[in-house]
Amino acid sequence: MIFARIGTVIYVLWGLLHYNATYNVYNIALGVPPSMVQGRLFQDAFFLSALATAGIVLAVKMNWHNSRMGFWLNALVLAVTDVPFILFVLVPGYAPFWPGVLGPALWVAGMIFTGLGQTRPSPVVHASA
């Protein structure tokens, strides 16, 4: 259970980091002339905040209690958020590796700890004569 709770704290940190990313993307959007690009940046900021909120809520409501469904839901929500960031922002070099890798690193660490929390001892089966 302790691993699930450590993972929960990591997921909350991941969400808070993405609130910061939301703020940064929103400020970039403010500096762009009104256009499709500005609209997409505002949309991206909205999606970041929504996914960060979903990650935090799932962590607190489900991962804290070591829910198997919570493990898979948060794995999916965070993957949907971070995989495109890795592919389309980090890999091409549009953002510096550090601190850009911090979000994906927290995602992986959270999955490792909540995954360790999912390991449960096998039930003991006693043979009867």
C-alpha atoms as a PDB file:
ATOM      1  CA  MET A   1       0.000   0.000   0.000  1.00  0.00           C
ATOM      2  CA  ILE A   2       2.912   2.357   0.705  1.00  0.00           C
ATOM      3  CA  PHE A   3       4.086   2.078  -2.918  1.00  0.00           C
ATOM      4  CA  ALA A   4       0.641   3.102  -4.171  1.00  0.00           C
ATOM      5  CA  ARG A   5       0.707   6.154  -1.914  1.00  0.00           C
ATOM      6  CA  ILE A   6       4.202   7.149  -3.030  1.00  0.00           C
ATOM      7  CA  GLY A   7       2.969   6.818  -6.624  1.00  0.00           C
ATOM      8  CA  THR A   8      -0.033   8.983  -5.785  1.00  0.00           C
ATOM      9  CA  VAL A   9       2.199  11.772  -4.475  1.00  0.00           C
ATOM     10  CA  ILE A  10       4.318  11.534  -7.640  1.00  0.00           C
ATOM     11  CA  TYR A  11       1.178  11.776  -9.804  1.00  0.00           C
ATOM     12  CA  VAL A  12       0.043  14.857  -7.882  1.00  0.00           C
ATOM     13  CA  LEU A  13       3.470  16.415  -8.498  1.00  0.00           C
ATOM     14  CA  TRP A  14       3.054  15.512 -12.190  1.00  0.00           C
ATOM     15  CA  GLY A  15      -0.291  17.328 -12.219  1.00  0.00           C
ATOM     16  CA  LEU A  16       1.128  20.410 -10.516  1.00  0.00           C
ATOM     17  CA  LEU A  17       3.979  20.489 -13.026  1.00  0.00           C
ATOM     18  CA  HIS A  18       1.406  20.410 -15.826  1.00  0.00           C
ATOM     19  CA  TYR A  19      -0.510  23.306 -14.265  1.00  0.00           C
ATOM     20  CA  ASN A  20       2.752  25.232 -14.600  1.00  0.00           C
ATOM     21  CA  ALA A  21       3.002  24.105 -18.235  1.00  0.00           C
ATOM     22  CA  THR A  22      -0.590  25.281 -18.742  1.00  0.00           C
ATOM     23  CA  TYR A  23       0.336  28.720 -17.448  1.00  0.00           C
ATOM     24  CA  ASN A  24       3.381  28.865 -19.732  1.00  0.00           C
ATOM     25  CA  VAL A  25       1.450  27.802 -22.848  1.00  0.00           C
ATOM     26  CA  TYR A  26      -1.309  30.300 -22.027  1.00  0.00           C
ATOM     27  CA  ASN A  27       1.258  33.101 -21.752  1.00  0.00           C
ATOM     28  CA  ILE A  28       2.800  32.092 -25.078  1.00  0.00           C
ATOM     29  CA  ALA A  29      -0.680  32.246 -26.612  1.00  0.00           C
ATOM     30  CA  LEU A  30      -1.167  35.770 -25.284  1.00  0.00           C
ATOM     31  CA  GLY A  31       1.919  36.869 -27.181  1.00  0.00           C
ATOM     32  CA  VAL A  32       0.727  35.506 -30.532  1.00  0.00           C
ATOM     33  CA  PRO A  33      -1.492  37.612 -32.806  1.00  0.00           C
ATOM     34  CA  PRO A  34      -5.134  36.460 -32.933  1.00  0.00           C
ATOM     35  CA  SER A  35      -5.058  33.560 -35.358  1.00  0.00           C
ATOM     36  CA  MET A  36      -5.507  29.817 -35.669  1.00  0.00           C
ATOM     37  CA  VAL A  37      -2.136  29.393 -33.951  1.00  0.00           C
ATOM     38  CA  GLN A  38      -3.273  31.443 -30.962  1.00  0.00           C
ATOM     39  CA  GLY A  39      -6.530  29.504 -30.779  1.00  0.00           C
ATOM     40  CA  ARG A  40      -4.666  26.192 -30.853  1.00  0.00           C
ATOM     41  CA  LEU A  41      -2.323  27.361 -28.115  1.00  0.00           C
ATOM     42  CA  PHE A  42      -5.295  28.320 -25.924  1.00  0.00           C
ATOM     43  CA  GLN A  43      -6.831  24.925 -26.704  1.00  0.00           C
ATOM     44  CA  ASP A  44      -3.568  23.208 -25.754  1.00  0.00           C
ATOM     45  CA  ALA A  45      -3.467  25.121 -22.460  1.00  0.00           C
ATOM     46  CA  PHE A  46      -7.040  24.020 -21.737  1.00  0.00           C
ATOM     47  CA  PHE A  47      -6.262  20.371 -22.516  1.00  0.00           C
ATOM     48  CA  LEU A  48      -3.150  20.471 -20.332  1.00  0.00           C
ATOM     49  CA  SER A  49      -5.132  21.789 -17.372  1.00  0.00           C
ATOM     50  CA  ALA A  50      -7.941  19.264 -17.908  1.00  0.00           C
ATOM     51  CA  LEU A  51      -5.539  16.321 -18.141  1.00  0.00           C
ATOM     52  CA  ALA A  52      -3.537  17.552 -15.140  1.00  0.00           C
ATOM     53  CA  THR A  53      -6.757  17.775 -13.129  1.00  0.00           C
ATOM     54  CA  ALA A  54      -7.835  14.297 -14.261  1.00  0.00           C
ATOM     55  CA  GLY A  55      -4.441  12.882 -13.276  1.00  0.00           C
ATOM     56  CA  ILE A  56      -4.584  14.442  -9.825  1.00  0.00           C
ATOM     57  CA  VAL A  57      -8.199  13.425  -9.161  1.00  0.00           C
ATOM     58  CA  LEU A  58      -7.598   9.839 -10.301  1.00  0.00           C
ATOM     59  CA  ALA A  59      -4.479   9.652  -8.144  1.00  0.00           C
ATOM     60  CA  VAL A  60      -6.167  10.953  -5.002  1.00  0.00           C
ATOM     61  CA  LYS A  61      -9.446   9.073  -5.446  1.00  0.00           C
ATOM     62  CA  MET A  62      -8.163   5.776  -6.834  1.00  0.00           C
ATOM     63  CA  ASN A  63      -4.379   5.319  -6.677  1.00  0.00           C
ATOM     64  CA  TRP A  64      -4.231   6.332  -3.010  1.00  0.00           C
ATOM     65  CA  HIS A  65      -6.488   3.346  -2.298  1.00  0.00           C
ATOM     66  CA  ASN A  66      -4.431   1.065  -4.555  1.00  0.00           C
ATOM     67  CA  SER A  67      -7.191   0.623  -7.145  1.00  0.00           C
ATOM     68  CA  ARG A  68      -6.273  -1.543 -10.125  1.00  0.00           C
ATOM     69  CA  MET A  69      -8.684   0.456 -12.318  1.00  0.00           C
ATOM     70  CA  GLY A  70      -7.061   3.674 -11.058  1.00  0.00           C
ATOM     71  CA  PHE A  71      -3.661   2.310 -12.041  1.00  0.00           C
ATOM     72  CA  TRP A  72      -4.771   1.739 -15.639  1.00  0.00           C
ATOM     73  CA  LEU A  73      -6.815   4.946 -15.936  1.00  0.00           C
ATOM     74  CA  ASN A  74      -3.969   7.137 -14.745  1.00  0.00           C
ATOM     75  CA  ALA A  75      -1.493   5.253 -16.927  1.00  0.00           C
ATOM     76  CA  LEU A  76      -3.720   6.063 -19.916  1.00  0.00           C
ATOM     77  CA  VAL A  77      -4.405   9.719 -19.025  1.00  0.00           C
ATOM     78  CA  LEU A  78      -0.748  10.488 -18.404  1.00  0.00           C
ATOM     79  CA  ALA A  79       0.349   8.608 -21.535  1.00  0.00           C
ATOM     80  CA  VAL A  80      -2.124  10.612 -23.656  1.00  0.00           C
ATOM     81  CA  THR A  81      -0.570  13.764 -22.206  1.00  0.00           C
ATOM     82  CA  ASP A  82       3.142  12.945 -22.240  1.00  0.00           C
ATOM     83  CA  VAL A  83       3.681  10.722 -25.305  1.00  0.00           C
ATOM     84  CA  PRO A  84       2.757  13.489 -27.794  1.00  0.00           C
ATOM     85  CA  PHE A  85       4.930  15.924 -25.818  1.00  0.00           C
ATOM     86  CA  ILE A  86       7.873  13.527 -26.075  1.00  0.00           C
ATOM     87  CA  LEU A  87       7.317  12.861 -29.802  1.00  0.00           C
ATOM     88  CA  PHE A  88       6.460  16.357 -31.011  1.00  0.00           C
ATOM     89  CA  VAL A  89       8.295  18.671 -28.600  1.00  0.00           C
ATOM     90  CA  LEU A  90      11.193  16.935 -26.825  1.00  0.00           C
ATOM     91  CA  VAL A  91      12.506  14.700 -29.640  1.00  0.00           C
ATOM     92  CA  PRO A  92      12.640  17.499 -32.254  1.00  0.00           C
ATOM     93  CA  GLY A  93      14.360  19.725 -29.684  1.00  0.00           C
ATOM     94  CA  TYR A  94      11.691  22.447 -29.431  1.00  0.00           C
ATOM     95  CA  ALA A  95      12.073  22.349 -25.653  1.00  0.00           C
ATOM     96  CA  PRO A  96      15.269  21.734 -23.713  1.00  0.00           C
ATOM     97  CA  PHE A  97      15.747  18.170 -22.492  1.00  0.00           C
ATOM     98  CA  TRP A  98      15.966  19.514 -18.947  1.00  0.00           C
ATOM     99  CA  PRO A  99      13.525  20.394 -17.481  1.00  0.00           C
ATOM    100  CA  GLY A 100      11.359  19.009 -20.319  1.00  0.00           C
ATOM    101  CA  VAL A 101      11.988  15.408 -19.322  1.00  0.00           C
ATOM    102  CA  LEU A 102      10.708  16.053 -15.796  1.00  0.00           C
ATOM    103  CA  GLY A 103       7.048  15.408 -16.704  1.00  0.00           C
ATOM    104  CA  PRO A 104       7.703  12.076 -18.450  1.00  0.00           C
ATOM    105  CA  ALA A 105      10.080  11.075 -15.634  1.00  0.00           C
ATOM    106  CA  LEU A 106       7.376  11.713 -13.034  1.00  0.00           C
ATOM    107  CA  TRP A 107       4.901   9.748 -15.176  1.00  0.00           C
ATOM    108  CA  VAL A 108       7.237   6.730 -15.335  1.00  0.00           C
ATOM    109  CA  ALA A 109       8.097   6.965 -11.624  1.00  0.00           C
ATOM    110  CA  GLY A 110       4.401   7.185 -10.709  1.00  0.00           C
ATOM    111  CA  MET A 111       3.628   4.140 -12.843  1.00  0.00           C
ATOM    112  CA  ILE A 112       6.483   2.184 -11.277  1.00  0.00           C
ATOM    113  CA  PHE A 113       5.365   2.923  -7.725  1.00  0.00           C
ATOM    114  CA  THR A 114       1.641   2.416  -8.331  1.00  0.00           C
ATOM    115  CA  GLY A 115       2.536  -0.747 -10.254  1.00  0.00           C
ATOM    116  CA  LEU A 116       4.549  -2.028  -7.299  1.00  0.00           C
ATOM    117  CA  GLY A 117       1.509  -1.288  -5.169  1.00  0.00           C
ATOM    118  CA  GLN A 118      -0.511  -3.578  -7.435  1.00  0.00           C
ATOM    119  CA  THR A 119       1.641  -6.593  -6.644  1.00  0.00           C
ATOM    120  CA  ARG A 120      -0.244  -8.661  -4.174  1.00  0.00           C
ATOM    121  CA  PRO A 121       0.754 -11.945  -2.613  1.00  0.00           C
ATOM    122  CA  SER A 122      -0.818 -14.982  -4.235  1.00  0.00           C
ATOM    123  CA  PRO A 123      -3.520 -16.631  -2.154  1.00  0.00           C
ATOM    124  CA  VAL A 124      -2.292 -19.697  -0.304  1.00  0.00           C
ATOM    125  CA  VAL A 125      -4.034 -22.844  -1.471  1.00  0.00           C
ATOM    126  CA  HIS A 126      -4.079 -25.719   0.997  1.00  0.00           C
ATOM    127  CA  ALA A 127      -4.521 -29.185  -0.349  1.00  0.00           C
ATOM    128  CA  SER A 128      -7.105 -31.276   1.427  1.00  0.00           C
ATOM    129  CA  ALA A 129      -6.828 -34.999   1.878  1.00  0.00           C
END
